[in-house]
Amino acid sequence: MDAQTRLEINHIHAPKLVEYGLIEWDEANYRVKAGPNFERIRPLLELLDQHEESLPDDWIRLGTDEEDTSGG
C-alpha cells in the first residue's frame, strides 16, 4: 500500500466507518472487524460481490489480492 493510500485510510476512511459504526478499528495494530452497524450494509456488500463483473474496472474488486507494485 502506498503512503498516500495509507494516509487516506488512517485519516479519512477508517474514522468515518468507525463513526458510522460499520467497523471497529485497532489503529495501533492496523486491524479491522465488523462494527455494531455492519449488518445494516451487509446486503449491499453481498449485492456488489454478486455483480462484481458488472462493476466499472476502476472499482475495488472484492476478494482479489492484487500485488502492490508501487514499491510502498
Protein backbone atom coordinates (compact mmCIF):
# COMPACT_ATOMS: atom_id res chain seq x y z
CA MET A 1 0.00 0.00 0.00
CA ASP A 2 1.44 3.36 -0.94
CA ALA A 3 1.87 6.17 1.58
CA GLN A 4 -0.98 8.28 0.17
CA THR A 5 -3.46 5.41 0.39
CA ARG A 6 -2.39 4.60 3.95
CA LEU A 7 -2.76 8.27 4.91
CA GLU A 8 -6.27 8.42 3.42
CA ILE A 9 -7.32 5.22 5.20
CA ASN A 10 -5.94 6.37 8.55
CA HIS A 11 -7.27 9.92 8.50
CA ILE A 12 -10.38 9.84 6.31
CA HIS A 13 -11.97 6.50 5.51
CA ALA A 14 -11.47 4.38 8.65
CA PRO A 15 -12.51 7.16 11.07
CA LYS A 16 -15.73 7.70 9.08
CA LEU A 17 -16.54 3.98 9.10
CA VAL A 18 -15.91 3.89 12.86
CA GLU A 19 -18.15 6.94 13.33
CA TYR A 20 -20.96 5.19 11.43
CA GLY A 21 -20.47 2.03 13.50
CA LEU A 22 -19.61 -0.05 10.44
CA ILE A 23 -16.19 -1.13 11.69
CA GLU A 24 -14.20 -1.38 14.88
CA TRP A 25 -10.63 -0.33 14.17
CA ASP A 26 -7.50 -1.15 16.12
CA GLU A 27 -5.32 1.56 14.62
CA ALA A 28 -2.20 0.54 16.55
CA ASN A 29 -2.26 -2.99 15.09
CA TYR A 30 -3.93 -1.99 11.82
CA ARG A 31 -6.79 -4.45 12.32
CA VAL A 32 -10.45 -4.04 11.47
CA LYS A 33 -13.53 -6.04 12.39
CA ALA A 34 -17.24 -5.60 11.82
CA GLY A 35 -18.82 -2.89 13.94
CA PRO A 36 -22.25 -2.82 15.58
CA ASN A 37 -23.95 -1.43 12.44
CA PHE A 38 -22.16 -3.67 9.92
CA GLU A 39 -25.20 -5.89 9.39
CA ARG A 40 -27.06 -2.88 8.01
CA ILE A 41 -24.72 -2.74 4.99
CA ARG A 42 -24.06 -6.47 4.58
CA PRO A 43 -26.84 -6.85 1.93
CA LEU A 44 -25.30 -4.06 -0.14
CA LEU A 45 -21.83 -5.60 0.07
CA GLU A 46 -23.21 -9.00 -0.89
CA LEU A 47 -25.04 -7.47 -3.87
CA LEU A 48 -21.85 -5.76 -5.03
CA ASP A 49 -19.95 -9.02 -4.66
CA GLN A 50 -22.57 -10.95 -6.65
CA HIS A 51 -22.36 -8.44 -9.51
CA GLU A 52 -18.63 -7.80 -9.39
CA GLU A 53 -18.14 -8.50 -13.10
CA SER A 54 -20.64 -5.73 -13.94
CA LEU A 55 -18.84 -3.06 -11.93
CA PRO A 56 -16.60 -0.46 -13.57
CA ASP A 57 -12.99 -1.59 -13.99
CA ASP A 58 -11.63 1.12 -11.69
CA TRP A 59 -13.75 -0.01 -8.71
CA ILE A 60 -12.12 -2.07 -5.98
CA ARG A 61 -12.62 -5.77 -6.59
CA LEU A 62 -13.67 -7.74 -3.53
CA GLY A 63 -11.88 -11.00 -2.92
CA THR A 64 -8.87 -10.21 -5.08
CA ASP A 65 -5.29 -9.97 -3.97
CA GLU A 66 -3.61 -7.63 -6.38
CA GLU A 67 0.09 -7.17 -5.77
CA ASP A 68 1.24 -3.74 -4.75
CA THR A 69 3.70 -2.77 -7.46
CA SER A 70 4.13 0.81 -6.23
CA GLY A 71 7.12 -0.10 -4.12
CA GLY A 72 5.34 1.14 -0.98
